[in-house]
Protein backbone atom coordinates (compact mmCIF):
# COMPACT_ATOMS: atom_id res chain seq x y z
CA UNK A 1 59.50 44.60 18.92
CA UNK A 2 62.54 44.86 16.69
CA UNK A 3 62.33 47.19 13.70
CA UNK A 4 64.59 47.29 10.68
CA UNK A 5 65.45 50.65 9.12
CA UNK A 6 66.36 49.94 5.52
CA UNK A 7 67.75 53.30 4.47
CA UNK A 8 71.26 52.59 5.68
CA UNK A 9 70.87 54.32 9.05
CA UNK A 10 69.94 51.31 11.12
CA UNK A 11 69.81 47.64 10.29
CA UNK A 12 70.45 44.37 12.05
CA UNK A 13 71.77 42.32 9.17
CA UNK A 14 74.02 43.07 6.22
CA UNK A 15 71.39 41.77 3.83
CA UNK A 16 69.00 44.61 4.49
CA UNK A 17 71.63 47.21 3.70
CA UNK A 18 71.30 46.36 0.04
CA UNK A 19 67.72 45.12 -0.32
CA UNK A 20 65.01 47.61 0.44
CA UNK A 21 66.14 50.64 -1.51
CA UNK A 22 62.69 51.55 -2.77
CA UNK A 23 60.65 54.37 -1.23
CA UNK A 24 57.17 53.55 0.02
CA UNK A 25 54.39 55.80 1.17
CA UNK A 26 54.08 56.08 4.93
CA UNK A 27 51.39 54.06 6.69
CA UNK A 28 49.88 55.25 9.94
CA UNK A 29 49.41 51.68 11.04
CA UNK A 30 49.51 48.13 9.78
CA UNK A 31 45.99 46.80 9.47
CA UNK A 32 45.72 43.05 9.76
CA UNK A 33 43.32 40.77 7.97
CA UNK A 34 42.71 38.18 10.65
CA UNK A 35 43.25 34.59 9.66
CA UNK A 36 41.17 32.57 12.15
CA UNK A 37 43.01 29.84 13.95
CA UNK A 38 46.51 31.10 13.21
CA UNK A 39 48.68 31.87 16.23
CA UNK A 40 50.41 35.26 16.48
CA UNK A 41 53.73 33.52 17.09
CA UNK A 42 55.62 31.95 14.24
CA UNK A 43 55.28 28.18 14.21
CA UNK A 44 56.78 25.50 12.06
CA UNK A 45 53.52 23.54 12.01
CA UNK A 46 49.91 24.20 12.91
CA UNK A 47 47.31 21.95 14.48
CA UNK A 48 44.91 20.18 12.15
CA UNK A 49 42.00 22.28 13.45
CA UNK A 50 43.96 25.47 12.73
CA UNK A 51 44.75 24.35 9.21
CA UNK A 52 41.08 23.63 8.63
CA UNK A 53 40.22 27.13 9.79
CA UNK A 54 42.81 28.65 7.50
CA UNK A 55 41.52 26.70 4.54
CA UNK A 56 38.01 27.99 5.18
CA UNK A 57 39.20 31.53 5.68
CA UNK A 58 41.39 31.77 2.61
CA UNK A 59 38.54 30.77 0.32
CA UNK A 60 36.59 33.89 1.31
CA UNK A 61 39.43 36.23 2.18
CA UNK A 62 39.65 37.80 -1.26
CA UNK A 63 36.09 39.07 -0.90
CA UNK A 64 36.88 40.91 2.33
CA UNK A 65 40.04 42.81 1.42
CA UNK A 66 40.92 45.96 -0.40
CA UNK A 67 41.21 45.29 -4.16
CA UNK A 68 44.74 46.66 -4.20
CA UNK A 69 47.31 48.53 -2.16
CA UNK A 70 47.42 52.33 -2.39
CA UNK A 71 49.04 53.28 -5.68
CA UNK A 72 51.78 55.18 -3.92
CA UNK A 73 52.69 52.13 -1.89
CA UNK A 74 52.77 49.82 -4.88
CA UNK A 75 54.72 51.93 -7.36
CA UNK A 76 58.29 50.92 -7.86
CA UNK A 77 57.94 47.81 -5.73
CA UNK A 78 58.41 44.10 -6.27
CA UNK A 79 61.12 41.56 -5.93
CA UNK A 80 64.73 42.51 -6.38
CA UNK A 81 66.29 41.56 -9.66
CA UNK A 82 63.09 41.48 -11.70
CA UNK A 83 62.96 45.02 -13.06
CA UNK A 84 65.33 44.62 -15.92
CA UNK A 85 65.98 46.55 -19.07
CA UNK A 86 68.17 45.52 -21.95
CA UNK A 87 71.61 46.76 -22.88
CA UNK A 88 72.39 50.29 -21.72
CA UNK A 89 68.78 51.18 -20.87
CA UNK A 90 68.40 53.17 -17.66
CA UNK A 91 69.86 53.94 -14.28
CA UNK A 92 67.21 51.65 -12.79
CA UNK A 93 69.27 48.73 -14.03
CA UNK A 94 72.14 49.77 -11.79
CA UNK A 95 69.76 50.11 -8.87
CA UNK A 96 68.44 46.63 -9.50
CA UNK A 97 71.91 45.21 -9.33
CA UNK A 98 72.05 46.31 -5.70
CA UNK A 99 69.27 43.88 -4.94
CA UNK A 100 71.48 40.95 -5.85
CA UNK A 101 72.96 40.90 -2.34
CA UNK A 102 73.78 37.33 -3.17
CA UNK A 103 76.53 35.14 -4.45
CA UNK A 104 76.88 34.91 -8.19
CA UNK A 105 76.58 31.47 -9.70
CA UNK A 106 79.80 29.46 -9.65
CA UNK A 107 80.32 29.92 -13.36
CA UNK A 108 78.88 32.08 -16.10
CA UNK A 109 76.76 30.25 -18.65
CA UNK A 110 77.84 29.97 -22.25
CA UNK A 111 75.89 31.44 -25.14
CA UNK A 112 74.90 30.81 -28.73
CA UNK A 113 76.37 28.59 -31.41
CA UNK A 114 79.64 30.49 -31.53
CA UNK A 115 79.86 30.88 -27.78
CA UNK A 116 79.20 27.18 -27.32
CA UNK A 117 81.73 26.01 -29.85
CA UNK A 118 84.09 24.84 -27.14
CA UNK A 119 81.37 22.53 -25.85
CA UNK A 120 80.29 21.19 -29.23
CA UNK A 121 81.94 17.81 -28.71
CA UNK A 122 79.97 17.21 -25.54
CA UNK A 123 76.77 18.30 -27.23
CA UNK A 124 77.41 16.21 -30.32
CA UNK A 125 77.71 13.03 -28.33
CA UNK A 126 74.25 11.52 -28.34
CA UNK A 127 72.81 14.59 -30.05
CA UNK A 128 70.18 14.51 -32.74
CA UNK A 129 70.09 16.67 -35.84
CA UNK A 130 66.64 18.15 -36.45
CA UNK A 131 66.70 16.81 -40.00
CA UNK A 132 67.04 13.21 -38.74
CA UNK A 133 64.27 13.25 -36.11
CA UNK A 134 61.16 11.28 -37.02
CA UNK A 135 59.62 10.61 -33.60
CA UNK A 136 56.10 11.91 -32.97
CA UNK A 137 55.88 14.67 -30.38
CA UNK A 138 52.75 15.65 -28.45
CA UNK A 139 52.67 19.44 -28.74
CA UNK A 140 49.51 20.03 -26.71
CA UNK A 141 50.38 22.42 -23.86
CA UNK A 142 50.40 20.85 -20.41
CA UNK A 143 50.78 23.33 -17.57
CA UNK A 144 51.69 21.94 -14.16
CA UNK A 145 49.19 23.30 -11.65
CA UNK A 146 50.20 24.77 -8.30
CA UNK A 147 48.11 24.21 -5.17
CA UNK A 148 47.89 24.91 -1.44
CA UNK A 149 47.22 21.61 0.38
CA UNK A 150 47.91 23.28 3.78
CA UNK A 151 49.59 20.11 5.04
CA UNK A 152 52.90 21.79 5.91
CA UNK A 153 52.69 25.46 6.84
CA UNK A 154 54.41 28.13 8.86
CA UNK A 155 53.18 31.59 9.70
CA UNK A 156 50.70 33.47 11.84
CA UNK A 157 47.90 36.02 11.53
CA UNK A 158 50.09 38.27 9.37
CA UNK A 159 51.03 35.82 6.62
CA UNK A 160 51.31 32.18 5.70
CA UNK A 161 53.82 29.96 3.89
CA UNK A 162 52.46 26.68 2.53
CA UNK A 163 55.41 24.42 1.76
CA UNK A 164 53.41 21.22 1.28
CA UNK A 165 54.66 20.98 -2.32
CA UNK A 166 58.29 21.84 -1.67
CA UNK A 167 59.32 18.51 -3.22
CA UNK A 168 57.78 19.82 -6.46
CA UNK A 169 60.03 22.87 -6.40
CA UNK A 170 57.78 25.65 -5.12
CA UNK A 171 56.08 27.20 -2.09
CA UNK A 172 52.90 29.29 -1.85
CA UNK A 173 52.95 32.49 0.21
CA UNK A 174 50.01 34.67 1.24
CA UNK A 175 49.80 38.01 3.05
CA UNK A 176 46.98 38.88 5.46
CA UNK A 177 47.94 42.56 5.69
CA UNK A 178 45.02 44.64 4.46
CA UNK A 179 46.84 47.81 3.46
CA UNK A 180 50.55 47.31 4.06
CA UNK A 181 52.80 45.62 1.58
CA UNK A 182 54.63 42.45 2.50
CA UNK A 183 58.10 41.41 1.36
CA UNK A 184 59.23 37.80 1.24
CA UNK A 185 62.93 37.05 1.59
CA UNK A 186 64.20 33.61 0.62
CA UNK A 187 67.72 32.45 1.43
CA UNK A 188 68.57 29.38 -0.67
CA UNK A 189 70.99 26.52 0.04
CA UNK A 190 73.28 27.71 -2.76
CA UNK A 191 73.83 31.03 -0.99
CA UNK A 192 71.54 33.33 -2.98
CA UNK A 193 69.05 35.79 -1.55
CA UNK A 194 65.74 36.43 -3.32
CA UNK A 195 63.16 39.10 -2.59
CA UNK A 196 59.50 38.99 -3.63
CA UNK A 197 56.65 41.45 -3.11
CA UNK A 198 53.12 40.38 -2.18
CA UNK A 199 50.88 43.10 -3.58
CA UNK A 200 47.43 41.53 -3.15
CA UNK A 201 46.36 40.45 0.36
CA UNK A 202 44.60 37.12 0.51
CA UNK A 203 46.20 35.98 -2.75
CA UNK A 204 48.71 33.14 -2.82
CA UNK A 205 51.88 33.77 -4.81
CA UNK A 206 54.07 30.98 -6.19
CA UNK A 207 57.75 31.23 -5.31
CA UNK A 208 60.21 28.78 -6.88
CA UNK A 209 62.69 26.76 -4.84
CA UNK A 210 65.55 27.02 -7.30
CA UNK A 211 68.50 26.63 -4.98
CA UNK A 212 68.57 22.82 -5.01
CA UNK A 213 68.07 20.51 -2.05
CA UNK A 214 68.72 21.70 1.49
CA UNK A 215 67.50 24.30 3.97
CA UNK A 216 65.65 27.43 2.83
CA UNK A 217 65.10 30.38 5.16
CA UNK A 218 61.78 32.08 4.36
CA UNK A 219 61.01 35.39 6.10
CA UNK A 220 57.95 37.66 5.82
CA UNK A 221 58.37 41.40 6.42
CA UNK A 222 55.63 44.00 6.69
CA UNK A 223 55.98 47.60 5.61
CA UNK A 224 55.72 50.04 8.53
CA UNK A 225 56.67 53.44 7.13
CA UNK A 226 59.16 54.99 4.72
CA UNK A 227 61.95 52.39 4.45
CA UNK A 228 61.02 50.68 7.71
CA UNK A 229 60.03 47.02 7.75
CA UNK A 230 59.25 44.63 10.56
CA UNK A 231 59.72 40.87 10.57
CA UNK A 232 56.30 39.31 10.97
CA UNK A 233 56.77 35.61 10.37
CA UNK A 234 59.12 33.06 8.93
CA UNK A 235 61.20 30.00 9.51
CA UNK A 236 63.36 27.31 7.95
CA UNK A 237 62.09 24.58 5.66
CA UNK A 238 63.99 21.52 4.50
CA UNK A 239 63.62 20.73 0.80
CA UNK A 240 64.22 17.48 -1.04
CA UNK A 241 63.19 17.85 -4.68
CA UNK A 242 61.60 14.92 -6.49
CA UNK A 243 63.50 16.10 -9.56
CA UNK A 244 66.04 18.92 -9.85
CA UNK A 245 64.31 20.24 -12.99
CA UNK A 246 60.83 20.64 -11.43
CA UNK A 247 61.32 24.29 -10.35
CA UNK A 248 61.82 25.11 -14.03
CA UNK A 249 58.53 23.61 -15.23
CA UNK A 250 55.91 25.27 -13.01
CA UNK A 251 54.55 28.80 -13.48
CA UNK A 252 55.54 31.31 -10.78
CA UNK A 253 55.35 35.02 -10.02
CA UNK A 254 58.06 35.87 -12.56
CA UNK A 255 56.99 33.43 -15.28
CA UNK A 256 53.21 33.71 -15.40
CA UNK A 257 51.16 31.45 -17.66
CA UNK A 258 48.26 29.06 -17.27
CA UNK A 259 46.55 26.15 -18.96
CA UNK A 260 44.37 27.47 -21.77
CA UNK A 261 45.72 31.02 -21.79
CA UNK A 262 47.05 32.81 -24.87
CA UNK A 263 50.68 32.05 -24.00
CA UNK A 264 50.10 28.29 -23.73
CA UNK A 265 47.91 28.24 -26.82
CA UNK A 266 50.58 30.03 -28.84
CA UNK A 267 53.22 27.54 -27.70
CA UNK A 268 51.14 24.75 -29.24
CA UNK A 269 50.62 26.69 -32.47
CA UNK A 270 54.32 27.49 -32.85
CA UNK A 271 55.43 23.91 -32.20
CA UNK A 272 52.67 22.19 -34.22
CA UNK A 273 55.15 20.66 -36.69
CA UNK A 274 57.97 19.99 -34.22
CA UNK A 275 59.00 16.35 -33.85
CA UNK A 276 61.40 16.79 -30.93
CA UNK A 277 61.97 19.01 -27.90
CA UNK A 278 64.93 20.55 -29.73
CA UNK A 279 62.76 21.53 -32.66
CA UNK A 280 60.02 22.81 -30.34
CA UNK A 281 62.47 24.90 -28.32
CA UNK A 282 64.09 26.34 -31.43
CA UNK A 283 60.73 27.19 -33.03
CA UNK A 284 59.68 29.09 -29.89
CA UNK A 285 63.01 30.88 -29.82
CA UNK A 286 62.74 31.84 -33.49
CA UNK A 287 59.18 33.11 -33.02
CA UNK A 288 60.21 35.43 -30.18
CA UNK A 289 63.15 36.73 -32.21
CA UNK A 290 60.92 37.47 -35.19
CA UNK A 291 57.83 38.85 -33.45
CA UNK A 292 58.83 40.79 -30.33
CA UNK A 293 60.26 44.28 -30.75
CA UNK A 294 62.50 46.00 -28.26
CA UNK A 295 60.66 48.78 -26.40
CA UNK A 296 63.14 51.64 -26.14
CA UNK A 297 60.71 53.96 -24.34
CA UNK A 298 59.91 51.33 -21.72
CA UNK A 299 63.61 50.69 -21.21
CA UNK A 300 64.12 54.36 -20.44
CA UNK A 301 61.15 54.61 -18.09
CA UNK A 302 61.11 51.26 -16.30
CA UNK A 303 61.11 51.62 -12.52
CA UNK A 304 62.69 49.61 -9.77
CA UNK A 305 60.70 46.51 -8.95
CA UNK A 306 59.14 45.99 -12.37
CA UNK A 307 57.47 42.58 -12.73
CA UNK A 308 56.86 41.35 -16.25
CA UNK A 309 53.55 40.02 -17.59
CA UNK A 310 53.84 37.38 -20.29
CA UNK A 311 50.27 38.03 -21.44
CA UNK A 312 50.94 41.75 -21.82
CA UNK A 313 54.17 41.15 -23.73
CA UNK A 314 52.32 38.85 -26.10
CA UNK A 315 49.55 41.40 -26.55
CA UNK A 316 51.82 44.37 -27.21
CA UNK A 317 54.50 42.42 -29.08
CA UNK A 318 57.02 44.69 -27.34
CA UNK A 319 59.23 44.46 -24.29
CA UNK A 320 62.56 44.80 -22.59
CA UNK A 321 64.98 41.98 -21.85
CA UNK A 322 63.06 40.45 -18.95
CA UNK A 323 59.87 40.48 -21.06
CA UNK A 324 61.62 38.63 -23.89
CA UNK A 325 63.04 36.11 -21.43
CA UNK A 326 59.86 35.45 -19.41
CA UNK A 327 57.68 34.97 -22.50
CA UNK A 328 60.19 32.56 -24.04
CA UNK A 329 60.47 30.58 -20.80
CA UNK A 330 56.69 30.47 -20.30
CA UNK A 331 56.12 28.96 -23.75
CA UNK A 332 58.95 26.46 -23.26
CA UNK A 333 57.52 25.33 -19.92
CA UNK A 334 54.04 25.07 -21.42
CA UNK A 335 55.61 22.52 -23.80
CA UNK A 336 57.11 20.57 -20.90
CA UNK A 337 60.62 21.83 -21.61
CA UNK A 338 62.60 22.95 -18.51
CA UNK A 339 63.68 26.58 -18.83
CA UNK A 340 64.52 29.53 -16.60
CA UNK A 341 64.83 33.29 -16.64
CA UNK A 342 68.33 34.25 -15.53
CA UNK A 343 69.28 37.74 -14.40
CA UNK A 344 72.78 39.05 -13.97
CA UNK A 345 75.32 40.85 -16.11
CA UNK A 346 76.08 40.75 -19.81
CA UNK A 347 79.43 42.49 -19.80
CA UNK A 348 78.80 45.43 -17.47
CA UNK A 349 75.07 45.73 -18.23
CA UNK A 350 72.41 44.31 -15.91
CA UNK A 351 70.39 42.00 -18.10
CA UNK A 352 68.00 39.04 -18.36
CA UNK A 353 68.26 35.99 -20.61
CA UNK A 354 67.06 32.40 -20.99
CA UNK A 355 68.52 28.99 -20.26
CA UNK A 356 66.82 25.86 -21.60
CA UNK A 357 67.48 22.19 -20.74
CA UNK A 358 67.24 19.47 -23.39
CA UNK A 359 67.81 15.73 -23.20
CA UNK A 360 69.16 15.60 -26.77
CA UNK A 361 71.25 18.34 -28.33
CA UNK A 362 71.97 19.47 -31.83
CA UNK A 363 71.71 22.50 -34.09
CA UNK A 364 68.32 24.10 -34.63
CA UNK A 365 67.02 25.85 -37.73
CA UNK A 366 68.05 29.16 -36.15
CA UNK A 367 71.68 28.03 -36.21
CA UNK A 368 71.66 27.75 -32.41
CA UNK A 369 73.64 24.90 -30.91
CA UNK A 370 71.74 23.18 -28.08
CA UNK A 371 73.59 21.18 -25.47
CA UNK A 372 72.66 17.56 -24.71
CA UNK A 373 71.54 16.88 -21.12
CA UNK A 374 72.45 20.38 -20.02
CA UNK A 375 71.56 24.05 -20.05
CA UNK A 376 71.89 26.17 -23.18
CA UNK A 377 71.95 29.96 -22.94
CA UNK A 378 69.64 31.89 -25.25
CA UNK A 379 69.62 35.68 -25.30
CA UNK A 380 66.63 36.64 -27.47
CA UNK A 381 66.98 40.37 -26.74
CA UNK A 382 70.63 40.77 -27.68
CA UNK A 383 70.69 38.19 -30.45
CA UNK A 384 67.63 39.67 -32.16
CA UNK A 385 69.12 43.15 -32.15
CA UNK A 386 72.55 42.05 -33.32
CA UNK A 387 71.10 39.79 -36.01
CA UNK A 388 69.02 42.66 -37.38
CA UNK A 389 72.07 44.93 -37.47
CA UNK A 390 74.23 42.31 -39.18
CA UNK A 391 71.44 40.87 -41.35
CA UNK A 392 72.45 37.41 -40.19
CA UNK A 393 70.78 34.44 -38.49
CA UNK A 394 70.70 34.75 -34.66
CA UNK A 395 72.57 31.49 -34.16
CA UNK A 396 75.54 32.81 -36.11
CA UNK A 397 75.91 35.93 -33.98
CA UNK A 398 78.88 35.93 -31.60
CA UNK A 399 77.93 37.29 -28.18
CA UNK A 400 81.30 38.72 -27.26
CA UNK A 401 80.59 39.82 -23.69
CA UNK A 402 80.75 37.35 -20.77
CA UNK A 403 77.56 36.40 -18.95
CA UNK A 404 77.57 36.43 -15.15
CA UNK A 405 74.36 34.91 -13.74
CA UNK A 406 73.13 36.05 -10.33
CA UNK A 407 69.49 35.03 -9.82
CA UNK A 408 67.13 32.74 -11.68
CA UNK A 409 63.39 32.22 -11.82
């Protein structure tokens, strides 16, 4: 068996030198939750009888596993790039940047109305002013549901990847390890490396396929002890998306919402009078700016591997940059508007912001200029703080630092 030591002493690939920097409690052994019918060896496909067995097993698996991993093993863990604080918060932000281990996007996105001024001509062409829109818009939330058909799978008794819905822009991954944590590494066709943590055995987690069409390398690693991980399963899947925007419409581990939950219900309430996607997007943006406060204490105490909860952010009305971004994106997606959480650098600060895609552009009531048939950058954390300081509308605030995107969810 080949082991990976992730503390910089021994590793077999460059990627691991920068990924697993968290400390985990030592485990005497890795206990396996058997998944009947799944071969120990990694396979690209499984026989129909095996898939049937897995389907039966996964429906009852949750009742036979520990409710959670040991607290010491869970603390400070989760996917790289998700534990984000806003401008100048803590040293954990610098540690999170290490997890990038990936190529930055080809170009940094542009920002608010002032930052987008150079692109205003492109946006104006075919754009629609909110004051001139009269079309009726259905504002009832419609959340796209994820599923596990088990038609295309790879894995073994340690963990399973269901990529039956890869054309929809996501995969479902499940760990069968009873007490050891599992990490999922995803190499995307656009050269980025993502890391996710599976904290609940027997529970499927949705991972977006946001690197476009092409080959994705998906690897499952089990925690052995300290910083030591072992590859347990994995393989390559070929992805052809039905639509390039689909990964930005479904809920996933980093943007959690559901049909009928408080987040979706609020999206409908906020957009009740909106007559266009532009109006709906701007109303959601304005609501977040006006109702979510920056949590300074959380920013100072946030640990590596923090994963946001949209429901908790909505309940507390407080958060750090990734909380602002995830809640905004969740409500936009609940309204059928493609949006993504982007993490990277604002100037020299590790940060999280929003990008939203609209068919028709224009200027919203916030003063924000939205691009037509393209992505518009929104930074609710920074713009809210600067607007309060300047006593000005968020759309009029000039975000002077360059944005350098690295990962997106």
